[in-house]
Amino acid sequence: MFSENSVVGLTKLDGTITPFEFNQACHDFALKWSTICHDHDLPPWFWVSCLNSPFISSHDVDGYLSLEKMCILRSDKIDDNVVSHAGEEERNWFESKTSTEPEILATDDVHYYDFHIVYSNSYRMPVLYFRGYNSDGQPLTLSQIEIDLPANSAKVLTESKWTFITQLEHPYLNRPWYTLHPCGTNELMKLLINTLSKSEDTPVRYLISWLSVVSQVVGLKIPLQISTTHRS
């Protein structure tokens, strides 16, 4: 487990974050998100405590952030002319369940996604885990997930030197989930942290900066207010 005394701080600029900072960042981020999610018709991020988990002794952090049942219209069912005009804006498939009009969609036309932000003891940074499934709960294959990704994701994943999609055992649930592998992410975070002013150099700003990058790969909507609203 960790304590406040374990904080080293972001000022070391090695691209990592301590367990205490991660815990603090997650709670601050969930609170910040809750103040704007209703305006954007988005479900909440919430903290899942694993204090009673039999596996908790192997973790430095006693839980993770969760965003559940984001609903998307299957890419192979989308009329390109209806969704967007060519060249006007990048598609963003991930929306809240309530923002999609269920009365006009067949249940076979939607996919659901759960996202978890988990602290990696090995890499000392957040890692995004996710899974997709049909309305009947049947898990999506990686090929199905790749179809749902934004149009630029394939290029990002091919050219990127900091991440790739792989399937790993979820550290807390002990079931296979897909994840954006964190190899090289610390180098990316060092660059991002260097762009922060001293007043912005906080754990929650680290988490927001990290999520603003990884969310683009999976097409997860991050409201602009999250990035522009600073912690007081």
C-alpha atoms as a PDB file:
ATOM      1  CA  MET A   1       0.000   0.000   0.000  1.00  0.00           C
ATOM      2  CA  PHE A   2       1.068   3.622  -0.211  1.00  0.00           C
ATOM      3  CA  SER A   3       1.039   6.753   1.886  1.00  0.00           C
ATOM      4  CA  GLU A   4       1.393  10.450   1.242  1.00  0.00           C
ATOM      5  CA  ASN A   5       5.038  10.134   2.262  1.00  0.00           C
ATOM      6  CA  SER A   6       5.629   8.065  -0.862  1.00  0.00           C
ATOM      7  CA  VAL A   7       5.036  11.063  -3.138  1.00  0.00           C
ATOM      8  CA  VAL A   8       8.097  11.927  -5.192  1.00  0.00           C
ATOM      9  CA  GLY A   9       6.360  14.488  -7.352  1.00  0.00           C
ATOM     10  CA  LEU A  10       6.051  15.213 -11.030  1.00  0.00           C
ATOM     11  CA  THR A  11       8.972  17.625 -10.952  1.00  0.00           C
ATOM     12  CA  LYS A  12      11.405  14.765 -11.542  1.00  0.00           C
ATOM     13  CA  LEU A  13      10.064  14.776 -15.109  1.00  0.00           C
ATOM     14  CA  ASP A  14      10.745  11.122 -15.881  1.00  0.00           C
ATOM     15  CA  GLY A  15       7.237  10.647 -17.261  1.00  0.00           C
ATOM     16  CA  THR A  16       5.979   8.515 -14.374  1.00  0.00           C
ATOM     17  CA  ILE A  17       3.569   9.075 -11.500  1.00  0.00           C
ATOM     18  CA  THR A  18       3.597   7.628  -7.986  1.00  0.00           C
ATOM     19  CA  PRO A  19       0.788   5.430  -6.589  1.00  0.00           C
ATOM     20  CA  PHE A  20      -0.285   8.216  -4.230  1.00  0.00           C
ATOM     21  CA  GLU A  21      -0.343  10.754  -7.073  1.00  0.00           C
ATOM     22  CA  PHE A  22      -2.350   8.358  -9.231  1.00  0.00           C
ATOM     23  CA  ASN A  23      -4.917   7.835  -6.481  1.00  0.00           C
ATOM     24  CA  GLN A  24      -5.206  11.570  -5.929  1.00  0.00           C
ATOM     25  CA  ALA A  25      -5.444  12.266  -9.666  1.00  0.00           C
ATOM     26  CA  CYS A  26      -8.209   9.688 -10.182  1.00  0.00           C
ATOM     27  CA  HIS A  27     -10.398  11.083  -7.424  1.00  0.00           C
ATOM     28  CA  ASP A  28      -9.861  14.675  -8.607  1.00  0.00           C
ATOM     29  CA  PHE A  29     -10.557  13.681 -12.203  1.00  0.00           C
ATOM     30  CA  ALA A  30     -13.773  11.813 -11.320  1.00  0.00           C
ATOM     31  CA  LEU A  31     -14.995  14.855  -9.405  1.00  0.00           C
ATOM     32  CA  LYS A  32     -14.070  17.213 -12.243  1.00  0.00           C
ATOM     33  CA  TRP A  33     -15.785  14.923 -14.765  1.00  0.00           C
ATOM     34  CA  SER A  34     -18.963  14.725 -12.675  1.00  0.00           C
ATOM     35  CA  THR A  35     -19.376  18.505 -12.807  1.00  0.00           C
ATOM     36  CA  ILE A  36     -19.610  18.551 -16.609  1.00  0.00           C
ATOM     37  CA  CYS A  37     -20.748  15.067 -17.711  1.00  0.00           C
ATOM     38  CA  HIS A  38     -24.450  15.960 -17.463  1.00  0.00           C
ATOM     39  CA  ASP A  39     -23.972  18.887 -19.848  1.00  0.00           C
ATOM     40  CA  HIS A  40     -22.429  16.510 -22.397  1.00  0.00           C
ATOM     41  CA  ASP A  41     -24.792  13.600 -21.766  1.00  0.00           C
ATOM     42  CA  LEU A  42     -21.905  11.370 -20.737  1.00  0.00           C
ATOM     43  CA  PRO A  43     -21.798   8.613 -18.109  1.00  0.00           C
ATOM     44  CA  PRO A  44     -19.528   9.177 -15.097  1.00  0.00           C
ATOM     45  CA  TRP A  45     -16.055   7.985 -14.407  1.00  0.00           C
ATOM     46  CA  PHE A  46     -16.093   6.436 -10.948  1.00  0.00           C
ATOM     47  CA  TRP A  47     -13.589   4.888  -8.570  1.00  0.00           C
ATOM     48  CA  VAL A  48     -13.838   1.123  -8.038  1.00  0.00           C
ATOM     49  CA  SER A  49     -12.373   0.211  -4.656  1.00  0.00           C
ATOM     50  CA  CYS A  50     -10.695  -3.182  -4.396  1.00  0.00           C
ATOM     51  CA  LEU A  51      -9.800  -3.086  -0.709  1.00  0.00           C
ATOM     52  CA  ASN A  52     -11.484  -6.439  -0.110  1.00  0.00           C
ATOM     53  CA  SER A  53      -9.982  -8.124  -3.158  1.00  0.00           C
ATOM     54  CA  PRO A  54      -7.910 -11.228  -2.365  1.00  0.00           C
ATOM     55  CA  PHE A  55      -5.390  -9.970  -4.938  1.00  0.00           C
ATOM     56  CA  ILE A  56      -4.979  -6.480  -3.457  1.00  0.00           C
ATOM     57  CA  SER A  57      -1.710  -7.339  -1.703  1.00  0.00           C
ATOM     58  CA  SER A  58       0.014  -7.419  -5.101  1.00  0.00           C
ATOM     59  CA  HIS A  59      -1.032  -3.845  -5.952  1.00  0.00           C
ATOM     60  CA  ASP A  60       0.236  -0.474  -4.767  1.00  0.00           C
ATOM     61  CA  VAL A  61      -3.146   1.127  -5.536  1.00  0.00           C
ATOM     62  CA  ASP A  62      -6.393  -0.150  -4.023  1.00  0.00           C
ATOM     63  CA  GLY A  63      -8.636   0.336  -7.060  1.00  0.00           C
ATOM     64  CA  TYR A  64      -9.095   1.849 -10.505  1.00  0.00           C
ATOM     65  CA  LEU A  65     -11.190   4.345 -12.484  1.00  0.00           C
ATOM     66  CA  SER A  66     -14.074   2.958 -14.512  1.00  0.00           C
ATOM     67  CA  LEU A  67     -16.294   4.247 -17.316  1.00  0.00           C
ATOM     68  CA  GLU A  68     -18.915   1.686 -18.267  1.00  0.00           C
ATOM     69  CA  LYS A  69     -21.317   0.859 -21.074  1.00  0.00           C
ATOM     70  CA  MET A  70     -20.438   3.527 -23.572  1.00  0.00           C
ATOM     71  CA  CYS A  71     -22.702   2.882 -26.535  1.00  0.00           C
ATOM     72  CA  ILE A  72     -21.688   3.201 -30.175  1.00  0.00           C
ATOM     73  CA  LEU A  73     -23.378   2.641 -33.499  1.00  0.00           C
ATOM     74  CA  ARG A  74     -21.544  -0.101 -35.362  1.00  0.00           C
ATOM     75  CA  SER A  75     -19.267   1.340 -38.020  1.00  0.00           C
ATOM     76  CA  ASP A  76     -20.561  -1.018 -40.696  1.00  0.00           C
ATOM     77  CA  LYS A  77     -24.075   0.365 -40.100  1.00  0.00           C
ATOM     78  CA  ILE A  78     -23.160   4.044 -40.393  1.00  0.00           C
ATOM     79  CA  ASP A  79     -24.048   6.144 -43.414  1.00  0.00           C
ATOM     80  CA  ASP A  80     -20.959   8.297 -43.983  1.00  0.00           C
ATOM     81  CA  ASN A  81     -23.052  11.070 -45.510  1.00  0.00           C
ATOM     82  CA  VAL A  82     -25.230  11.266 -42.415  1.00  0.00           C
ATOM     83  CA  VAL A  83     -22.489  11.123 -39.789  1.00  0.00           C
ATOM     84  CA  SER A  84     -20.193  13.764 -41.212  1.00  0.00           C
ATOM     85  CA  HIS A  85     -19.129  15.531 -44.371  1.00  0.00           C
ATOM     86  CA  ALA A  86     -15.775  14.504 -45.797  1.00  0.00           C
ATOM     87  CA  GLY A  87     -12.942  16.569 -44.385  1.00  0.00           C
ATOM     88  CA  GLU A  88     -15.064  18.515 -41.910  1.00  0.00           C
ATOM     89  CA  GLU A  89     -14.283  16.675 -38.686  1.00  0.00           C
ATOM     90  CA  GLU A  90     -12.879  13.430 -37.352  1.00  0.00           C
ATOM     91  CA  ARG A  91     -15.506  10.861 -36.395  1.00  0.00           C
ATOM     92  CA  ASN A  92     -15.863  10.116 -32.737  1.00  0.00           C
ATOM     93  CA  TRP A  93     -17.840   6.899 -32.296  1.00  0.00           C
ATOM     94  CA  PHE A  94     -17.937   6.667 -28.515  1.00  0.00           C
ATOM     95  CA  GLU A  95     -21.018   8.286 -27.042  1.00  0.00           C
ATOM     96  CA  SER A  96     -23.085   7.740 -23.934  1.00  0.00           C
ATOM     97  CA  LYS A  97     -25.937   5.273 -24.038  1.00  0.00           C
ATOM     98  CA  THR A  98     -28.447   8.049 -23.424  1.00  0.00           C
ATOM     99  CA  SER A  99     -27.132  10.246 -26.225  1.00  0.00           C
ATOM    100  CA  THR A 100     -27.958   7.608 -28.839  1.00  0.00           C
ATOM    101  CA  GLU A 101     -31.614   7.385 -29.799  1.00  0.00           C
ATOM    102  CA  PRO A 102     -32.414   3.744 -28.954  1.00  0.00           C
ATOM    103  CA  GLU A 103     -35.853   3.872 -30.520  1.00  0.00           C
ATOM    104  CA  ILE A 104     -34.364   4.159 -34.007  1.00  0.00           C
ATOM    105  CA  LEU A 105     -31.602   1.595 -33.550  1.00  0.00           C
ATOM    106  CA  ALA A 106     -31.839  -2.170 -33.634  1.00  0.00           C
ATOM    107  CA  THR A 107     -30.000  -3.841 -30.761  1.00  0.00           C
ATOM    108  CA  ASP A 108     -27.694  -5.592 -33.232  1.00  0.00           C
ATOM    109  CA  ASP A 109     -26.538  -2.203 -34.528  1.00  0.00           C
ATOM    110  CA  VAL A 110     -24.789  -1.090 -31.332  1.00  0.00           C
ATOM    111  CA  HIS A 111     -21.664  -2.085 -29.458  1.00  0.00           C
ATOM    112  CA  TYR A 112     -20.869  -1.279 -25.850  1.00  0.00           C
ATOM    113  CA  TYR A 113     -17.493  -0.510 -24.296  1.00  0.00           C
ATOM    114  CA  ASP A 114     -16.115  -0.423 -20.752  1.00  0.00           C
ATOM    115  CA  PHE A 115     -12.920   1.525 -19.994  1.00  0.00           C
ATOM    116  CA  HIS A 116     -10.715   1.164 -16.924  1.00  0.00           C
ATOM    117  CA  ILE A 117      -7.737   3.318 -15.960  1.00  0.00           C
ATOM    118  CA  VAL A 118      -5.389   1.109 -13.947  1.00  0.00           C
ATOM    119  CA  TYR A 119      -2.080   1.931 -12.299  1.00  0.00           C
ATOM    120  CA  SER A 120       0.863  -0.126 -13.557  1.00  0.00           C
ATOM    121  CA  ASN A 121       3.348  -1.001 -10.816  1.00  0.00           C
ATOM    122  CA  SER A 122       5.946  -1.961 -13.416  1.00  0.00           C
ATOM    123  CA  TYR A 123       5.716   1.156 -15.589  1.00  0.00           C
ATOM    124  CA  ARG A 124       4.604   3.513 -12.782  1.00  0.00           C
ATOM    125  CA  MET A 125       1.924   5.149 -14.879  1.00  0.00           C
ATOM    126  CA  PRO A 126      -1.745   4.791 -15.893  1.00  0.00           C
ATOM    127  CA  VAL A 127      -2.751   2.101 -18.369  1.00  0.00           C
ATOM    128  CA  LEU A 128      -6.044   2.034 -20.283  1.00  0.00           C
ATOM    129  CA  TYR A 129      -7.878  -1.308 -20.296  1.00  0.00           C
ATOM    130  CA  PHE A 130     -11.049  -1.771 -22.335  1.00  0.00           C
ATOM    131  CA  ARG A 131     -13.490  -4.361 -23.599  1.00  0.00           C
ATOM    132  CA  GLY A 132     -16.271  -4.308 -26.157  1.00  0.00           C
ATOM    133  CA  TYR A 133     -19.426  -6.386 -26.308  1.00  0.00           C
ATOM    134  CA  ASN A 134     -22.746  -6.741 -28.110  1.00  0.00           C
ATOM    135  CA  SER A 135     -26.128  -5.968 -26.556  1.00  0.00           C
ATOM    136  CA  ASP A 136     -26.404  -9.638 -25.549  1.00  0.00           C
ATOM    137  CA  GLY A 137     -23.090  -9.456 -23.690  1.00  0.00           C
ATOM    138  CA  GLN A 138     -21.096 -11.395 -26.278  1.00  0.00           C
ATOM    139  CA  PRO A 139     -17.483 -10.073 -26.260  1.00  0.00           C
ATOM    140  CA  LEU A 140     -16.174  -8.394 -29.398  1.00  0.00           C
ATOM    141  CA  THR A 141     -13.106  -9.737 -31.127  1.00  0.00           C
ATOM    142  CA  LEU A 142     -10.130  -7.494 -31.792  1.00  0.00           C
ATOM    143  CA  SER A 143     -11.068  -7.329 -35.485  1.00  0.00           C
ATOM    144  CA  GLN A 144     -14.551  -6.099 -34.531  1.00  0.00           C
ATOM    145  CA  ILE A 145     -13.067  -3.519 -32.163  1.00  0.00           C
ATOM    146  CA  GLU A 146     -10.678  -2.295 -34.857  1.00  0.00           C
ATOM    147  CA  ILE A 147     -13.655  -1.622 -37.142  1.00  0.00           C
ATOM    148  CA  ASP A 148     -15.199   0.543 -34.418  1.00  0.00           C
ATOM    149  CA  LEU A 149     -12.052   2.630 -33.927  1.00  0.00           C
ATOM    150  CA  PRO A 150     -11.806   6.132 -35.434  1.00  0.00           C
ATOM    151  CA  ALA A 151     -10.489   6.323 -38.966  1.00  0.00           C
ATOM    152  CA  ASN A 152      -7.087   7.680 -37.882  1.00  0.00           C
ATOM    153  CA  SER A 153      -6.467   5.024 -35.211  1.00  0.00           C
ATOM    154  CA  ALA A 154      -4.967   2.469 -37.587  1.00  0.00           C
ATOM    155  CA  LYS A 155      -2.423   5.051 -38.719  1.00  0.00           C
ATOM    156  CA  VAL A 156      -1.646   6.105 -35.149  1.00  0.00           C
ATOM    157  CA  LEU A 157      -1.174   2.520 -33.992  1.00  0.00           C
ATOM    158  CA  THR A 158       0.964   1.669 -37.017  1.00  0.00           C
ATOM    159  CA  GLU A 159       3.221   4.705 -36.803  1.00  0.00           C
ATOM    160  CA  SER A 160       3.245   5.150 -33.025  1.00  0.00           C
ATOM    161  CA  LYS A 161       6.356   4.241 -31.074  1.00  0.00           C
ATOM    162  CA  TRP A 162       4.644   4.548 -27.684  1.00  0.00           C
ATOM    163  CA  THR A 163       1.755   2.075 -27.686  1.00  0.00           C
ATOM    164  CA  PHE A 164      -0.102  -0.781 -29.336  1.00  0.00           C
ATOM    165  CA  ILE A 165      -3.268  -2.761 -28.619  1.00  0.00           C
ATOM    166  CA  THR A 166      -2.776  -6.110 -26.946  1.00  0.00           C
ATOM    167  CA  GLN A 167      -4.783  -8.497 -24.768  1.00  0.00           C
ATOM    168  CA  LEU A 168      -3.684  -8.936 -21.155  1.00  0.00           C
ATOM    169  CA  GLU A 169      -5.175 -10.184 -17.932  1.00  0.00           C
ATOM    170  CA  HIS A 170      -6.929  -7.377 -16.093  1.00  0.00           C
ATOM    171  CA  PRO A 171      -4.861  -6.793 -12.926  1.00  0.00           C
ATOM    172  CA  TYR A 172      -7.912  -6.647 -10.655  1.00  0.00           C
ATOM    173  CA  LEU A 173     -10.534  -8.734 -12.464  1.00  0.00           C
ATOM    174  CA  ASN A 174      -8.203 -11.534 -13.565  1.00  0.00           C
ATOM    175  CA  ARG A 175      -9.921 -11.804 -16.943  1.00  0.00           C
ATOM    176  CA  PRO A 176      -8.556 -10.986 -20.414  1.00  0.00           C
ATOM    177  CA  TRP A 177      -9.106  -7.378 -21.471  1.00  0.00           C
ATOM    178  CA  TYR A 178      -7.651  -5.346 -24.316  1.00  0.00           C
ATOM    179  CA  THR A 179      -5.211  -2.639 -23.372  1.00  0.00           C
ATOM    180  CA  LEU A 180      -3.029   0.087 -24.835  1.00  0.00           C
ATOM    181  CA  HIS A 181       0.374  -1.238 -23.887  1.00  0.00           C
ATOM    182  CA  PRO A 182       2.348   1.409 -21.949  1.00  0.00           C
ATOM    183  CA  CYS A 183       5.751   0.753 -23.527  1.00  0.00           C
ATOM    184  CA  GLY A 184       7.264   4.102 -24.431  1.00  0.00           C
ATOM    185  CA  THR A 185       4.477   6.070 -22.755  1.00  0.00           C
ATOM    186  CA  ASN A 186       6.859   7.566 -20.192  1.00  0.00           C
ATOM    187  CA  GLU A 187       8.812   9.216 -23.026  1.00  0.00           C
ATOM    188  CA  LEU A 188       5.590  10.693 -24.341  1.00  0.00           C
ATOM    189  CA  MET A 189       4.601  11.881 -20.874  1.00  0.00           C
ATOM    190  CA  LYS A 190       7.990  13.539 -20.339  1.00  0.00           C
ATOM    191  CA  LEU A 191       7.279  15.681 -23.392  1.00  0.00           C
ATOM    192  CA  LEU A 192       3.759  16.501 -22.210  1.00  0.00           C
ATOM    193  CA  ILE A 193       4.839  17.319 -18.652  1.00  0.00           C
ATOM    194  CA  ASN A 194       7.453  19.720 -19.984  1.00  0.00           C
ATOM    195  CA  THR A 195       4.666  21.749 -21.596  1.00  0.00           C
ATOM    196  CA  LEU A 196       2.921  22.302 -18.251  1.00  0.00           C
ATOM    197  CA  SER A 197       3.385  25.457 -16.238  1.00  0.00           C
ATOM    198  CA  LYS A 198       4.369  25.142 -12.583  1.00  0.00           C
ATOM    199  CA  SER A 199       0.785  25.795 -11.491  1.00  0.00           C
ATOM    200  CA  GLU A 200      -0.434  22.986 -13.770  1.00  0.00           C
ATOM    201  CA  ASP A 201       2.140  20.471 -12.571  1.00  0.00           C
ATOM    202  CA  THR A 202      -0.345  18.418 -10.556  1.00  0.00           C
ATOM    203  CA  PRO A 203      -1.338  14.734 -10.541  1.00  0.00           C
ATOM    204  CA  VAL A 204      -4.749  15.417 -12.093  1.00  0.00           C
ATOM    205  CA  ARG A 205      -3.144  17.461 -14.884  1.00  0.00           C
ATOM    206  CA  TYR A 206      -0.807  14.537 -15.566  1.00  0.00           C
ATOM    207  CA  LEU A 207      -3.791  12.183 -15.832  1.00  0.00           C
ATOM    208  CA  ILE A 208      -5.711  14.557 -18.101  1.00  0.00           C
ATOM    209  CA  SER A 209      -2.690  15.039 -20.365  1.00  0.00           C
ATOM    210  CA  TRP A 210      -2.208  11.278 -20.591  1.00  0.00           C
ATOM    211  CA  LEU A 211      -5.896  10.592 -21.254  1.00  0.00           C
ATOM    212  CA  SER A 212      -6.116  13.313 -23.893  1.00  0.00           C
ATOM    213  CA  VAL A 213      -3.588  11.318 -25.932  1.00  0.00           C
ATOM    214  CA  VAL A 214      -4.714   7.720 -25.382  1.00  0.00           C
ATOM    215  CA  SER A 215      -8.386   8.640 -25.822  1.00  0.00           C
ATOM    216  CA  GLN A 216      -7.658   9.645 -29.413  1.00  0.00           C
ATOM    217  CA  VAL A 217      -6.530   6.113 -30.201  1.00  0.00           C
ATOM    218  CA  VAL A 218      -9.751   4.483 -29.009  1.00  0.00           C
ATOM    219  CA  GLY A 219     -12.062   7.353 -29.991  1.00  0.00           C
ATOM    220  CA  LEU A 220     -13.161   8.157 -26.456  1.00  0.00           C
ATOM    221  CA  LYS A 221     -14.767  11.580 -26.154  1.00  0.00           C
ATOM    222  CA  ILE A 222     -13.052  13.933 -23.700  1.00  0.00           C
ATOM    223  CA  PRO A 223     -14.934  17.245 -23.277  1.00  0.00           C
ATOM    224  CA  LEU A 224     -12.823  20.335 -23.830  1.00  0.00           C
ATOM    225  CA  GLN A 225     -13.742  21.629 -20.362  1.00  0.00           C
ATOM    226  CA  ILE A 226     -11.776  18.791 -18.791  1.00  0.00           C
ATOM    227  CA  SER A 227      -8.570  20.063 -20.383  1.00  0.00           C
ATOM    228  CA  THR A 228      -9.209  23.764 -19.838  1.00  0.00           C
ATOM    229  CA  THR A 229     -10.573  23.655 -16.285  1.00  0.00           C
ATOM    230  CA  HIS A 230      -7.767  23.706 -13.774  1.00  0.00           C
ATOM    231  CA  ARG A 231      -7.783  22.347 -10.306  1.00  0.00           C
ATOM    232  CA  SER A 232      -8.072  25.073  -7.738  1.00  0.00           C
END
